[in-house]
Amino acid sequence: MTKLNDREPSERRRWLAVLLGTVMLLASYLMFIWSFVAASGNETTFAGGLFGIALGLVPAVFAVAAFVSINPRAMAATIGATVLWLVVTVPIAIGNLPTGLVAGYGAGGVIAFRLGDHHSRRGRIIAVSITVIYTMLLQRFLPTVGIFAAAPLPFLAVALADVYAERFGEPEAP
């Protein structure tokens, strides 16, 4: 009898993980943006509380991604993704908050989602890097659009990298 973690999740299950993770990511992302907008005014108490909730949602975002995608090391992946989120997001967000959030959530998503037999971290990292560059360009030329268009992209980039690896990756050895 095989355990649930021993077998590869179905395609439907993987996309469910991406969808649920993205919904959680959107909540956290928008709370971060709103907290910084509120902090620019006189609503510092509101901004601090909203920032705290958004920060508390970060591990929950990665936990949903890891557990729903049936990552065999879901707890370790959640912790690693959260730490990587901090390491990546903070330096980039100092210059541009939405780009930093996209980079952090994307980097965490690379670790949190289950790595299948045909998937590669290298492909995921490339996809997230392209997403970060795209977000930076959107922020430069269409700032308002860039803030909201960037939010759903990090986990979608990871999922599309996996789909690309499955369809166009190296064939299995006999």
C-alpha atoms as a PDB file:
ATOM      1  CA  MET A   1       0.000   0.000   0.000  1.00  0.00           C
ATOM      2  CA  THR A   2       1.440   3.377  -1.007  1.00  0.00           C
ATOM      3  CA  LYS A   3       1.177   6.432   1.126  1.00  0.00           C
ATOM      4  CA  LEU A   4      -0.293   9.624  -0.281  1.00  0.00           C
ATOM      5  CA  ASN A   5       3.124  11.306  -0.279  1.00  0.00           C
ATOM      6  CA  ASP A   6       4.737   8.510  -2.302  1.00  0.00           C
ATOM      7  CA  ARG A   7       2.773   9.078  -5.464  1.00  0.00           C
ATOM      8  CA  GLU A   8       2.771  12.014  -7.812  1.00  0.00           C
ATOM      9  CA  PRO A   9      -0.282  14.292  -7.377  1.00  0.00           C
ATOM     10  CA  SER A  10      -2.728  14.499 -10.256  1.00  0.00           C
ATOM     11  CA  GLU A  11      -2.688  17.471 -12.578  1.00  0.00           C
ATOM     12  CA  ARG A  12      -5.981  18.610 -11.095  1.00  0.00           C
ATOM     13  CA  ARG A  13      -4.473  18.494  -7.588  1.00  0.00           C
ATOM     14  CA  ARG A  14      -1.415  20.496  -8.664  1.00  0.00           C
ATOM     15  CA  TRP A  15      -3.570  23.225 -10.210  1.00  0.00           C
ATOM     16  CA  LEU A  16      -5.756  23.245  -7.105  1.00  0.00           C
ATOM     17  CA  ALA A  17      -2.602  23.902  -5.060  1.00  0.00           C
ATOM     18  CA  VAL A  18      -1.681  26.767  -7.389  1.00  0.00           C
ATOM     19  CA  LEU A  19      -5.200  28.215  -7.212  1.00  0.00           C
ATOM     20  CA  LEU A  20      -5.549  28.033  -3.422  1.00  0.00           C
ATOM     21  CA  GLY A  21      -1.991  29.275  -2.898  1.00  0.00           C
ATOM     22  CA  THR A  22      -2.619  32.192  -5.255  1.00  0.00           C
ATOM     23  CA  VAL A  23      -5.824  33.169  -3.445  1.00  0.00           C
ATOM     24  CA  MET A  24      -3.909  33.241  -0.151  1.00  0.00           C
ATOM     25  CA  LEU A  25      -1.042  35.088  -1.857  1.00  0.00           C
ATOM     26  CA  LEU A  26      -3.452  37.728  -3.210  1.00  0.00           C
ATOM     27  CA  ALA A  27      -4.820  38.386   0.274  1.00  0.00           C
ATOM     28  CA  SER A  28      -1.352  38.781   1.755  1.00  0.00           C
ATOM     29  CA  TYR A  29      -0.022  40.797  -1.206  1.00  0.00           C
ATOM     30  CA  LEU A  30      -2.901  43.273  -1.177  1.00  0.00           C
ATOM     31  CA  MET A  31      -2.657  43.710   2.587  1.00  0.00           C
ATOM     32  CA  PHE A  32       1.038  44.553   2.221  1.00  0.00           C
ATOM     33  CA  ILE A  33       0.254  47.121  -0.482  1.00  0.00           C
ATOM     34  CA  TRP A  34      -2.624  48.642   1.517  1.00  0.00           C
ATOM     35  CA  SER A  35      -0.530  48.830   4.679  1.00  0.00           C
ATOM     36  CA  PHE A  36       2.143  50.849   2.908  1.00  0.00           C
ATOM     37  CA  VAL A  37      -0.448  53.100   1.273  1.00  0.00           C
ATOM     38  CA  ALA A  38      -2.096  53.675   4.670  1.00  0.00           C
ATOM     39  CA  ALA A  39       1.285  54.322   6.294  1.00  0.00           C
ATOM     40  CA  SER A  40       1.964  57.109   3.802  1.00  0.00           C
ATOM     41  CA  GLY A  41      -1.018  58.945   5.326  1.00  0.00           C
ATOM     42  CA  ASN A  42      -1.827  59.361   8.995  1.00  0.00           C
ATOM     43  CA  GLU A  43      -3.300  55.900   9.553  1.00  0.00           C
ATOM     44  CA  THR A  44      -0.218  54.353  11.139  1.00  0.00           C
ATOM     45  CA  THR A  45      -2.140  52.177  13.610  1.00  0.00           C
ATOM     46  CA  PHE A  46      -4.244  50.713  10.818  1.00  0.00           C
ATOM     47  CA  ALA A  47      -1.142  50.254   8.671  1.00  0.00           C
ATOM     48  CA  GLY A  48       0.745  48.421  11.399  1.00  0.00           C
ATOM     49  CA  GLY A  49      -2.102  46.020  12.055  1.00  0.00           C
ATOM     50  CA  LEU A  50      -2.617  45.329   8.376  1.00  0.00           C
ATOM     51  CA  PHE A  51       1.117  44.796   7.921  1.00  0.00           C
ATOM     52  CA  GLY A  52       1.131  42.323  10.806  1.00  0.00           C
ATOM     53  CA  ILE A  53      -1.755  40.327   9.344  1.00  0.00           C
ATOM     54  CA  ALA A  54      -0.098  40.289   5.915  1.00  0.00           C
ATOM     55  CA  LEU A  55       3.181  39.130   7.433  1.00  0.00           C
ATOM     56  CA  GLY A  56       1.360  36.415   9.382  1.00  0.00           C
ATOM     57  CA  LEU A  57      -0.244  35.142   6.184  1.00  0.00           C
ATOM     58  CA  VAL A  58       3.117  34.517   4.491  1.00  0.00           C
ATOM     59  CA  PRO A  59       3.757  31.118   6.139  1.00  0.00           C
ATOM     60  CA  ALA A  60       0.100  30.210   5.560  1.00  0.00           C
ATOM     61  CA  VAL A  61       0.499  30.906   1.837  1.00  0.00           C
ATOM     62  CA  PHE A  62       3.426  28.515   1.588  1.00  0.00           C
ATOM     63  CA  ALA A  63       1.783  25.931   3.855  1.00  0.00           C
ATOM     64  CA  VAL A  64      -1.247  25.802   1.565  1.00  0.00           C
ATOM     65  CA  ALA A  65       1.021  25.437  -1.468  1.00  0.00           C
ATOM     66  CA  ALA A  66       3.099  22.683   0.159  1.00  0.00           C
ATOM     67  CA  PHE A  67       0.336  20.643   1.755  1.00  0.00           C
ATOM     68  CA  VAL A  68      -2.158  20.817  -1.112  1.00  0.00           C
ATOM     69  CA  SER A  69       0.533  19.901  -3.665  1.00  0.00           C
ATOM     70  CA  ILE A  70       1.352  16.880  -1.448  1.00  0.00           C
ATOM     71  CA  ASN A  71       4.965  17.861  -0.860  1.00  0.00           C
ATOM     72  CA  PRO A  72       6.491  14.959   1.129  1.00  0.00           C
ATOM     73  CA  ARG A  73       8.468  17.453   3.224  1.00  0.00           C
ATOM     74  CA  ALA A  74       5.666  20.012   3.469  1.00  0.00           C
ATOM     75  CA  MET A  75       6.586  21.387   6.888  1.00  0.00           C
ATOM     76  CA  ALA A  76      10.269  21.832   6.036  1.00  0.00           C
ATOM     77  CA  ALA A  77       9.298  23.311   2.651  1.00  0.00           C
ATOM     78  CA  THR A  78       6.978  25.800   4.366  1.00  0.00           C
ATOM     79  CA  ILE A  79       9.691  26.931   6.770  1.00  0.00           C
ATOM     80  CA  GLY A  80      12.324  27.107   4.030  1.00  0.00           C
ATOM     81  CA  ALA A  81      10.004  29.029   1.712  1.00  0.00           C
ATOM     82  CA  THR A  82       9.149  31.524   4.459  1.00  0.00           C
ATOM     83  CA  VAL A  83      12.810  32.142   5.299  1.00  0.00           C
ATOM     84  CA  LEU A  84      13.660  32.490   1.607  1.00  0.00           C
ATOM     85  CA  TRP A  85      10.733  34.900   1.225  1.00  0.00           C
ATOM     86  CA  LEU A  86      12.259  37.133   3.903  1.00  0.00           C
ATOM     87  CA  VAL A  87      15.757  36.950   2.417  1.00  0.00           C
ATOM     88  CA  VAL A  88      14.555  37.789  -1.095  1.00  0.00           C
ATOM     89  CA  THR A  89      11.683  40.189  -0.411  1.00  0.00           C
ATOM     90  CA  VAL A  90      13.224  42.621   2.051  1.00  0.00           C
ATOM     91  CA  PRO A  91      16.191  43.842  -0.047  1.00  0.00           C
ATOM     92  CA  ILE A  92      14.166  44.135  -3.260  1.00  0.00           C
ATOM     93  CA  ALA A  93      11.081  45.662  -1.595  1.00  0.00           C
ATOM     94  CA  ILE A  94      13.177  48.517  -0.252  1.00  0.00           C
ATOM     95  CA  GLY A  95      13.397  49.780  -3.830  1.00  0.00           C
ATOM     96  CA  ASN A  96      10.068  48.547  -5.198  1.00  0.00           C
ATOM     97  CA  LEU A  97       7.496  46.856  -2.973  1.00  0.00           C
ATOM     98  CA  PRO A  98       5.416  44.964  -5.585  1.00  0.00           C
ATOM     99  CA  THR A  99       8.516  43.638  -7.339  1.00  0.00           C
ATOM    100  CA  GLY A 100       9.995  42.537  -4.022  1.00  0.00           C
ATOM    101  CA  LEU A 101       6.792  40.731  -3.073  1.00  0.00           C
ATOM    102  CA  VAL A 102       6.621  38.976  -6.445  1.00  0.00           C
ATOM    103  CA  ALA A 103      10.269  37.913  -6.158  1.00  0.00           C
ATOM    104  CA  GLY A 104       9.789  36.674  -2.597  1.00  0.00           C
ATOM    105  CA  TYR A 105       6.594  34.746  -3.242  1.00  0.00           C
ATOM    106  CA  GLY A 106       8.066  33.284  -6.418  1.00  0.00           C
ATOM    107  CA  ALA A 107      11.250  32.183  -4.656  1.00  0.00           C
ATOM    108  CA  GLY A 108       9.208  30.627  -1.863  1.00  0.00           C
ATOM    109  CA  GLY A 109       6.947  28.925  -4.388  1.00  0.00           C
ATOM    110  CA  VAL A 110       9.953  27.257  -5.996  1.00  0.00           C
ATOM    111  CA  ILE A 111      10.547  25.475  -2.681  1.00  0.00           C
ATOM    112  CA  ALA A 112       6.977  25.056  -1.414  1.00  0.00           C
ATOM    113  CA  PHE A 113       5.390  23.282  -4.372  1.00  0.00           C
ATOM    114  CA  ARG A 114       6.132  19.600  -4.796  1.00  0.00           C
ATOM    115  CA  LEU A 115       8.983  18.943  -7.200  1.00  0.00           C
ATOM    116  CA  GLY A 116       7.843  16.158  -9.521  1.00  0.00           C
ATOM    117  CA  ASP A 117       9.971  13.710 -11.459  1.00  0.00           C
ATOM    118  CA  HIS A 118      10.036  15.865 -14.582  1.00  0.00           C
ATOM    119  CA  HIS A 119      10.246  19.245 -12.850  1.00  0.00           C
ATOM    120  CA  SER A 120      13.415  21.210 -12.162  1.00  0.00           C
ATOM    121  CA  ARG A 121      14.205  23.979  -9.735  1.00  0.00           C
ATOM    122  CA  ARG A 122      16.306  25.598 -12.445  1.00  0.00           C
ATOM    123  CA  GLY A 123      13.276  25.938 -14.722  1.00  0.00           C
ATOM    124  CA  ARG A 124      11.202  27.301 -11.871  1.00  0.00           C
ATOM    125  CA  ILE A 125      13.885  29.859 -10.997  1.00  0.00           C
ATOM    126  CA  ILE A 126      14.085  30.998 -14.629  1.00  0.00           C
ATOM    127  CA  ALA A 127      10.287  31.386 -14.788  1.00  0.00           C
ATOM    128  CA  VAL A 128      10.205  33.397 -11.560  1.00  0.00           C
ATOM    129  CA  SER A 129      13.095  35.569 -12.777  1.00  0.00           C
ATOM    130  CA  ILE A 130      11.204  36.363 -15.986  1.00  0.00           C
ATOM    131  CA  THR A 131       8.158  37.216 -13.881  1.00  0.00           C
ATOM    132  CA  VAL A 132      10.197  39.573 -11.697  1.00  0.00           C
ATOM    133  CA  ILE A 133      11.632  41.342 -14.756  1.00  0.00           C
ATOM    134  CA  TYR A 134       8.134  41.626 -16.217  1.00  0.00           C
ATOM    135  CA  THR A 135       6.883  43.095 -12.951  1.00  0.00           C
ATOM    136  CA  MET A 136       9.714  45.629 -12.880  1.00  0.00           C
ATOM    137  CA  LEU A 137       8.859  46.720 -16.424  1.00  0.00           C
ATOM    138  CA  LEU A 138       5.171  46.998 -15.582  1.00  0.00           C
ATOM    139  CA  GLN A 139       6.037  49.074 -12.515  1.00  0.00           C
ATOM    140  CA  ARG A 140       8.184  51.369 -14.633  1.00  0.00           C
ATOM    141  CA  PHE A 141       5.773  51.998 -17.489  1.00  0.00           C
ATOM    142  CA  LEU A 142       2.288  51.268 -16.061  1.00  0.00           C
ATOM    143  CA  PRO A 143       2.563  51.606 -12.266  1.00  0.00           C
ATOM    144  CA  THR A 144      -1.099  51.189 -11.367  1.00  0.00           C
ATOM    145  CA  VAL A 145      -1.559  48.230 -13.670  1.00  0.00           C
ATOM    146  CA  GLY A 146       1.716  46.733 -12.470  1.00  0.00           C
ATOM    147  CA  ILE A 147       0.673  46.717  -8.831  1.00  0.00           C
ATOM    148  CA  PHE A 148      -2.408  44.605  -9.453  1.00  0.00           C
ATOM    149  CA  ALA A 149      -1.292  42.573 -12.477  1.00  0.00           C
ATOM    150  CA  ALA A 150       1.798  41.305 -10.673  1.00  0.00           C
ATOM    151  CA  ALA A 151      -0.039  39.716  -7.756  1.00  0.00           C
ATOM    152  CA  PRO A 152      -1.181  36.405  -9.325  1.00  0.00           C
ATOM    153  CA  LEU A 153       2.024  35.805 -11.282  1.00  0.00           C
ATOM    154  CA  PRO A 154       4.547  34.141  -8.896  1.00  0.00           C
ATOM    155  CA  PHE A 155       2.793  30.800  -8.375  1.00  0.00           C
ATOM    156  CA  LEU A 156       1.521  30.773 -11.931  1.00  0.00           C
ATOM    157  CA  ALA A 157       5.120  31.106 -13.149  1.00  0.00           C
ATOM    158  CA  VAL A 158       6.154  28.088 -11.054  1.00  0.00           C
ATOM    159  CA  ALA A 159       3.231  26.042 -12.392  1.00  0.00           C
ATOM    160  CA  LEU A 160       3.926  26.995 -15.998  1.00  0.00           C
ATOM    161  CA  ALA A 161       7.587  26.090 -15.580  1.00  0.00           C
ATOM    162  CA  ASP A 162       6.473  22.635 -14.428  1.00  0.00           C
ATOM    163  CA  VAL A 163       4.099  22.282 -17.385  1.00  0.00           C
ATOM    164  CA  TYR A 164       6.883  23.311 -19.760  1.00  0.00           C
ATOM    165  CA  ALA A 165       9.263  20.786 -18.190  1.00  0.00           C
ATOM    166  CA  GLU A 166       6.692  18.009 -18.554  1.00  0.00           C
ATOM    167  CA  ARG A 167       5.908  18.768 -22.186  1.00  0.00           C
ATOM    168  CA  PHE A 168       9.310  19.751 -23.543  1.00  0.00           C
ATOM    169  CA  GLY A 169      11.760  18.264 -21.049  1.00  0.00           C
ATOM    170  CA  GLU A 170      14.202  15.496 -21.745  1.00  0.00           C
ATOM    171  CA  PRO A 171      12.572  12.156 -22.527  1.00  0.00           C
ATOM    172  CA  GLU A 172      12.829   9.425 -19.922  1.00  0.00           C
ATOM    173  CA  ALA A 173      15.559   6.847 -20.329  1.00  0.00           C
ATOM    174  CA  PRO A 174      14.250   3.343 -21.142  1.00  0.00           C
END
